[in-house]
């Protein structure tokens, strides 16, 4: 039994039309999204969506964590090796190095694996978030006016790219939710 089927079984739900439990409805919606993902997007489109999604999610998470560290709130702390602070762009460069190695030397099956596309978007977000540091513009990185505008700009681009890459799925979900027209 697949994990999604176990959830439906545990929830005691029937079909999507049976008005099952809220958990069953979530599982049914998840199945509908997954089916649309597989049927509406080709391999390249899936890779683009995963890359944009990885970028958007990582960028948002890193911004939240970074602000938490900066304000001294929450469980997060800077990572250091001895007295040297390790910026998160280093992890992004390592991820892109791994993606590049797979692209150059990996089989078609490995290059097309969803984790490669997700890693690409994630690694890129880790680098882009600290781009000012890479350019040695340290004073600009935390200047409030500059930082807020950069965060908003990159956030809008990331969200827009993710939505654009997922449009075929969104169109199908909207189409499936409309009531049927009488013949």
C-alpha atoms as a PDB file:
ATOM      1  CA  UNK A   1       0.000   0.000   0.000  1.00  0.00           C
ATOM      2  CA  UNK A   2       1.410   3.416  -1.015  1.00  0.00           C
ATOM      3  CA  UNK A   3       1.756   6.182   1.649  1.00  0.00           C
ATOM      4  CA  UNK A   4      -1.146   8.206   0.208  1.00  0.00           C
ATOM      5  CA  UNK A   5      -3.334   5.087   0.158  1.00  0.00           C
ATOM      6  CA  UNK A   6      -2.455   4.404   3.800  1.00  0.00           C
ATOM      7  CA  UNK A   7      -3.587   7.917   4.714  1.00  0.00           C
ATOM      8  CA  UNK A   8      -6.906   7.401   2.955  1.00  0.00           C
ATOM      9  CA  UNK A   9      -7.286   3.967   4.552  1.00  0.00           C
ATOM     10  CA  UNK A  10      -6.474   5.308   8.035  1.00  0.00           C
ATOM     11  CA  UNK A  11      -8.886   8.193   7.566  1.00  0.00           C
ATOM     12  CA  UNK A  12     -11.615   5.719   6.627  1.00  0.00           C
ATOM     13  CA  UNK A  13     -12.466   7.651   3.489  1.00  0.00           C
ATOM     14  CA  UNK A  14     -14.084   6.413   0.343  1.00  0.00           C
ATOM     15  CA  UNK A  15     -13.938   8.096  -3.015  1.00  0.00           C
ATOM     16  CA  UNK A  16     -13.497  11.826  -3.605  1.00  0.00           C
ATOM     17  CA  UNK A  17     -17.255  12.114  -4.211  1.00  0.00           C
ATOM     18  CA  UNK A  18     -18.189  10.431  -0.954  1.00  0.00           C
ATOM     19  CA  UNK A  19     -17.508  13.560   1.090  1.00  0.00           C
ATOM     20  CA  UNK A  20     -14.851  11.748   3.173  1.00  0.00           C
ATOM     21  CA  UNK A  21     -12.983  13.179   6.116  1.00  0.00           C
ATOM     22  CA  UNK A  22     -10.903  16.351   5.803  1.00  0.00           C
ATOM     23  CA  UNK A  23      -7.746  14.215   5.748  1.00  0.00           C
ATOM     24  CA  UNK A  24      -9.138  12.192   2.840  1.00  0.00           C
ATOM     25  CA  UNK A  25      -9.995  15.380   0.954  1.00  0.00           C
ATOM     26  CA  UNK A  26      -6.424  16.593   1.387  1.00  0.00           C
ATOM     27  CA  UNK A  27      -5.124  13.270   0.092  1.00  0.00           C
ATOM     28  CA  UNK A  28      -7.545  13.400  -2.862  1.00  0.00           C
ATOM     29  CA  UNK A  29      -6.404  16.937  -3.707  1.00  0.00           C
ATOM     30  CA  UNK A  30      -2.766  15.844  -3.418  1.00  0.00           C
ATOM     31  CA  UNK A  31      -3.454  12.984  -5.853  1.00  0.00           C
ATOM     32  CA  UNK A  32      -5.176  15.389  -8.249  1.00  0.00           C
ATOM     33  CA  UNK A  33      -2.211  17.793  -8.162  1.00  0.00           C
ATOM     34  CA  UNK A  34       0.265  14.941  -8.640  1.00  0.00           C
ATOM     35  CA  UNK A  35      -1.721  13.538 -11.580  1.00  0.00           C
ATOM     36  CA  UNK A  36      -1.858  17.010 -13.177  1.00  0.00           C
ATOM     37  CA  UNK A  37       1.893  17.427 -12.581  1.00  0.00           C
ATOM     38  CA  UNK A  38       2.633  14.174 -14.411  1.00  0.00           C
ATOM     39  CA  UNK A  39       0.107  14.607 -17.229  1.00  0.00           C
ATOM     40  CA  UNK A  40       0.380  18.345 -17.961  1.00  0.00           C
ATOM     41  CA  UNK A  41       4.149  18.842 -17.719  1.00  0.00           C
ATOM     42  CA  UNK A  42       6.884  17.214 -19.737  1.00  0.00           C
ATOM     43  CA  UNK A  43      10.253  16.349 -18.168  1.00  0.00           C
ATOM     44  CA  UNK A  44      11.779  19.766 -18.977  1.00  0.00           C
ATOM     45  CA  UNK A  45       8.751  21.624 -17.612  1.00  0.00           C
ATOM     46  CA  UNK A  46       8.840  19.539 -14.429  1.00  0.00           C
ATOM     47  CA  UNK A  47      12.522  20.376 -14.002  1.00  0.00           C
ATOM     48  CA  UNK A  48      11.781  24.093 -14.457  1.00  0.00           C
ATOM     49  CA  UNK A  49       8.965  23.981 -11.905  1.00  0.00           C
ATOM     50  CA  UNK A  50      11.097  22.116  -9.375  1.00  0.00           C
ATOM     51  CA  UNK A  51      13.994  24.534  -9.901  1.00  0.00           C
ATOM     52  CA  UNK A  52      11.759  27.596  -9.443  1.00  0.00           C
ATOM     53  CA  UNK A  53      10.026  25.987  -6.465  1.00  0.00           C
ATOM     54  CA  UNK A  54      13.372  25.127  -4.874  1.00  0.00           C
ATOM     55  CA  UNK A  55      14.609  28.664  -5.461  1.00  0.00           C
ATOM     56  CA  UNK A  56      11.457  30.298  -4.065  1.00  0.00           C
ATOM     57  CA  UNK A  57      11.155  28.061  -1.014  1.00  0.00           C
ATOM     58  CA  UNK A  58      14.841  28.260  -0.174  1.00  0.00           C
ATOM     59  CA  UNK A  59      15.016  32.010  -0.641  1.00  0.00           C
ATOM     60  CA  UNK A  60      12.005  32.538   1.647  1.00  0.00           C
ATOM     61  CA  UNK A  61      13.352  30.133   4.285  1.00  0.00           C
ATOM     62  CA  UNK A  62      16.845  31.636   4.223  1.00  0.00           C
ATOM     63  CA  UNK A  63      15.467  35.172   4.564  1.00  0.00           C
ATOM     64  CA  UNK A  64      13.416  34.089   7.582  1.00  0.00           C
ATOM     65  CA  UNK A  65      16.328  32.258   9.191  1.00  0.00           C
ATOM     66  CA  UNK A  66      18.747  35.109   8.490  1.00  0.00           C
ATOM     67  CA  UNK A  67      16.425  37.707  10.018  1.00  0.00           C
ATOM     68  CA  UNK A  68      15.921  35.402  13.003  1.00  0.00           C
ATOM     69  CA  UNK A  69      19.685  35.123  13.518  1.00  0.00           C
ATOM     70  CA  UNK A  70      20.175  38.857  13.052  1.00  0.00           C
ATOM     71  CA  UNK A  71      17.495  39.697  15.629  1.00  0.00           C
ATOM     72  CA  UNK A  72      18.700  37.051  18.097  1.00  0.00           C
ATOM     73  CA  UNK A  73      15.316  35.288  18.140  1.00  0.00           C
ATOM     74  CA  UNK A  74      14.611  31.658  17.428  1.00  0.00           C
ATOM     75  CA  UNK A  75      16.739  28.529  17.482  1.00  0.00           C
ATOM     76  CA  UNK A  76      19.048  29.441  14.599  1.00  0.00           C
ATOM     77  CA  UNK A  77      22.687  30.550  14.874  1.00  0.00           C
ATOM     78  CA  UNK A  78      25.523  31.335  12.512  1.00  0.00           C
ATOM     79  CA  UNK A  79      27.655  28.410  11.338  1.00  0.00           C
ATOM     80  CA  UNK A  80      31.392  28.801  11.837  1.00  0.00           C
ATOM     81  CA  UNK A  81      34.548  26.795  11.343  1.00  0.00           C
ATOM     82  CA  UNK A  82      36.755  27.966  14.169  1.00  0.00           C
ATOM     83  CA  UNK A  83      36.518  31.740  14.071  1.00  0.00           C
ATOM     84  CA  UNK A  84      35.519  31.883  10.405  1.00  0.00           C
ATOM     85  CA  UNK A  85      31.842  32.480   9.630  1.00  0.00           C
ATOM     86  CA  UNK A  86      30.571  30.208   6.871  1.00  0.00           C
ATOM     87  CA  UNK A  87      28.122  32.092   4.684  1.00  0.00           C
ATOM     88  CA  UNK A  88      25.308  30.136   3.074  1.00  0.00           C
ATOM     89  CA  UNK A  89      26.495  30.965  -0.433  1.00  0.00           C
ATOM     90  CA  UNK A  90      29.245  28.366   0.188  1.00  0.00           C
ATOM     91  CA  UNK A  91      26.605  25.626   0.488  1.00  0.00           C
ATOM     92  CA  UNK A  92      24.963  26.955  -2.668  1.00  0.00           C
ATOM     93  CA  UNK A  93      28.233  26.809  -4.594  1.00  0.00           C
ATOM     94  CA  UNK A  94      28.770  23.239  -3.375  1.00  0.00           C
ATOM     95  CA  UNK A  95      25.242  22.280  -4.493  1.00  0.00           C
ATOM     96  CA  UNK A  96      25.727  23.818  -7.933  1.00  0.00           C
ATOM     97  CA  UNK A  97      29.082  22.032  -8.170  1.00  0.00           C
ATOM     98  CA  UNK A  98      27.281  18.740  -7.526  1.00  0.00           C
ATOM     99  CA  UNK A  99      24.591  19.561 -10.087  1.00  0.00           C
ATOM    100  CA  UNK A 100      27.288  20.459 -12.599  1.00  0.00           C
ATOM    101  CA  UNK A 101      29.124  17.200 -11.977  1.00  0.00           C
ATOM    102  CA  UNK A 102      25.910  15.247 -12.604  1.00  0.00           C
ATOM    103  CA  UNK A 103      25.216  17.296 -15.739  1.00  0.00           C
ATOM    104  CA  UNK A 104      28.696  16.633 -17.123  1.00  0.00           C
ATOM    105  CA  UNK A 105      29.173  13.019 -16.092  1.00  0.00           C
ATOM    106  CA  UNK A 106      25.784  11.615 -15.078  1.00  0.00           C
ATOM    107  CA  UNK A 107      23.558   9.337 -17.099  1.00  0.00           C
ATOM    108  CA  UNK A 108      20.360  10.720 -18.635  1.00  0.00           C
ATOM    109  CA  UNK A 109      18.385   9.078 -15.844  1.00  0.00           C
ATOM    110  CA  UNK A 110      20.460  10.833 -13.166  1.00  0.00           C
ATOM    111  CA  UNK A 111      20.449  14.204 -14.943  1.00  0.00           C
ATOM    112  CA  UNK A 112      16.648  14.077 -15.191  1.00  0.00           C
ATOM    113  CA  UNK A 113      16.119  13.108 -11.551  1.00  0.00           C
ATOM    114  CA  UNK A 114      13.860  15.619  -9.760  1.00  0.00           C
ATOM    115  CA  UNK A 115      16.448  16.063  -6.989  1.00  0.00           C
ATOM    116  CA  UNK A 116      18.882  17.566  -9.531  1.00  0.00           C
ATOM    117  CA  UNK A 117      16.414  20.284 -10.583  1.00  0.00           C
ATOM    118  CA  UNK A 118      15.448  20.967  -6.963  1.00  0.00           C
ATOM    119  CA  UNK A 119      19.115  21.136  -5.922  1.00  0.00           C
ATOM    120  CA  UNK A 120      19.843  23.581  -8.731  1.00  0.00           C
ATOM    121  CA  UNK A 121      17.112  25.994  -7.597  1.00  0.00           C
ATOM    122  CA  UNK A 122      18.047  25.594  -3.933  1.00  0.00           C
ATOM    123  CA  UNK A 123      21.761  26.154  -4.535  1.00  0.00           C
ATOM    124  CA  UNK A 124      21.099  29.165  -6.737  1.00  0.00           C
ATOM    125  CA  UNK A 125      18.893  30.769  -4.055  1.00  0.00           C
ATOM    126  CA  UNK A 126      21.616  30.307  -1.431  1.00  0.00           C
ATOM    127  CA  UNK A 127      24.053  32.137  -3.711  1.00  0.00           C
ATOM    128  CA  UNK A 128      21.700  34.889  -4.899  1.00  0.00           C
ATOM    129  CA  UNK A 129      20.695  35.693  -1.324  1.00  0.00           C
ATOM    130  CA  UNK A 130      24.276  36.681  -0.523  1.00  0.00           C
ATOM    131  CA  UNK A 131      25.234  38.129  -3.878  1.00  0.00           C
ATOM    132  CA  UNK A 132      26.216  41.470  -2.343  1.00  0.00           C
ATOM    133  CA  UNK A 133      28.783  39.671  -0.183  1.00  0.00           C
ATOM    134  CA  UNK A 134      30.219  37.959  -3.243  1.00  0.00           C
ATOM    135  CA  UNK A 135      30.709  41.380  -4.806  1.00  0.00           C
ATOM    136  CA  UNK A 136      32.292  42.607  -1.557  1.00  0.00           C
ATOM    137  CA  UNK A 137      29.534  45.144  -0.927  1.00  0.00           C
ATOM    138  CA  UNK A 138      29.301  44.249   2.741  1.00  0.00           C
ATOM    139  CA  UNK A 139      27.788  47.578   3.815  1.00  0.00           C
ATOM    140  CA  UNK A 140      24.934  47.201   1.320  1.00  0.00           C
ATOM    141  CA  UNK A 141      23.949  43.698   2.387  1.00  0.00           C
ATOM    142  CA  UNK A 142      22.259  44.741   5.630  1.00  0.00           C
ATOM    143  CA  UNK A 143      21.381  48.352   4.783  1.00  0.00           C
ATOM    144  CA  UNK A 144      17.652  48.325   5.518  1.00  0.00           C
ATOM    145  CA  UNK A 145      16.436  50.195   2.430  1.00  0.00           C
ATOM    146  CA  UNK A 146      18.576  48.196   0.028  1.00  0.00           C
ATOM    147  CA  UNK A 147      17.932  44.858   1.696  1.00  0.00           C
ATOM    148  CA  UNK A 148      14.144  45.212   1.812  1.00  0.00           C
ATOM    149  CA  UNK A 149      13.948  46.210  -1.845  1.00  0.00           C
ATOM    150  CA  UNK A 150      16.204  43.322  -2.875  1.00  0.00           C
ATOM    151  CA  UNK A 151      14.170  40.856  -0.792  1.00  0.00           C
ATOM    152  CA  UNK A 152      10.900  42.050  -2.277  1.00  0.00           C
ATOM    153  CA  UNK A 153      12.268  42.106  -5.826  1.00  0.00           C
ATOM    154  CA  UNK A 154      13.785  38.644  -5.689  1.00  0.00           C
ATOM    155  CA  UNK A 155      10.726  37.314  -3.852  1.00  0.00           C
ATOM    156  CA  UNK A 156       8.402  38.597  -6.566  1.00  0.00           C
ATOM    157  CA  UNK A 157      10.593  37.189  -9.335  1.00  0.00           C
ATOM    158  CA  UNK A 158      10.845  33.829  -7.545  1.00  0.00           C
ATOM    159  CA  UNK A 159       7.112  33.566  -6.889  1.00  0.00           C
ATOM    160  CA  UNK A 160       6.312  34.723 -10.421  1.00  0.00           C
ATOM    161  CA  UNK A 161       8.659  32.173 -11.975  1.00  0.00           C
ATOM    162  CA  UNK A 162       7.218  29.386  -9.847  1.00  0.00           C
ATOM    163  CA  UNK A 163       3.642  30.306 -10.797  1.00  0.00           C
ATOM    164  CA  UNK A 164       4.590  30.668 -14.466  1.00  0.00           C
ATOM    165  CA  UNK A 165       6.302  27.254 -14.482  1.00  0.00           C
ATOM    166  CA  UNK A 166       3.276  25.689 -12.794  1.00  0.00           C
ATOM    167  CA  UNK A 167       0.579  27.323 -14.973  1.00  0.00           C
ATOM    168  CA  UNK A 168      -0.377  24.110 -16.800  1.00  0.00           C
ATOM    169  CA  UNK A 169      -1.079  22.426 -13.457  1.00  0.00           C
ATOM    170  CA  UNK A 170      -2.983  25.436 -12.106  1.00  0.00           C
ATOM    171  CA  UNK A 171      -5.107  25.656 -15.285  1.00  0.00           C
ATOM    172  CA  UNK A 172      -6.017  22.000 -15.044  1.00  0.00           C
ATOM    173  CA  UNK A 173      -6.939  22.261 -11.360  1.00  0.00           C
ATOM    174  CA  UNK A 174      -9.163  25.276 -12.077  1.00  0.00           C
ATOM    175  CA  UNK A 175     -10.711  23.506 -15.069  1.00  0.00           C
ATOM    176  CA  UNK A 176     -11.462  20.413 -12.943  1.00  0.00           C
ATOM    177  CA  UNK A 177     -13.120  22.528 -10.221  1.00  0.00           C
ATOM    178  CA  UNK A 178     -15.612  24.228 -12.569  1.00  0.00           C
ATOM    179  CA  UNK A 179     -19.119  22.768 -12.655  1.00  0.00           C
ATOM    180  CA  UNK A 180     -19.896  20.848 -15.820  1.00  0.00           C
ATOM    181  CA  UNK A 181     -21.868  22.776 -18.445  1.00  0.00           C
ATOM    182  CA  UNK A 182     -25.201  21.270 -19.475  1.00  0.00           C
ATOM    183  CA  UNK A 183     -25.162  19.748 -22.950  1.00  0.00           C
END
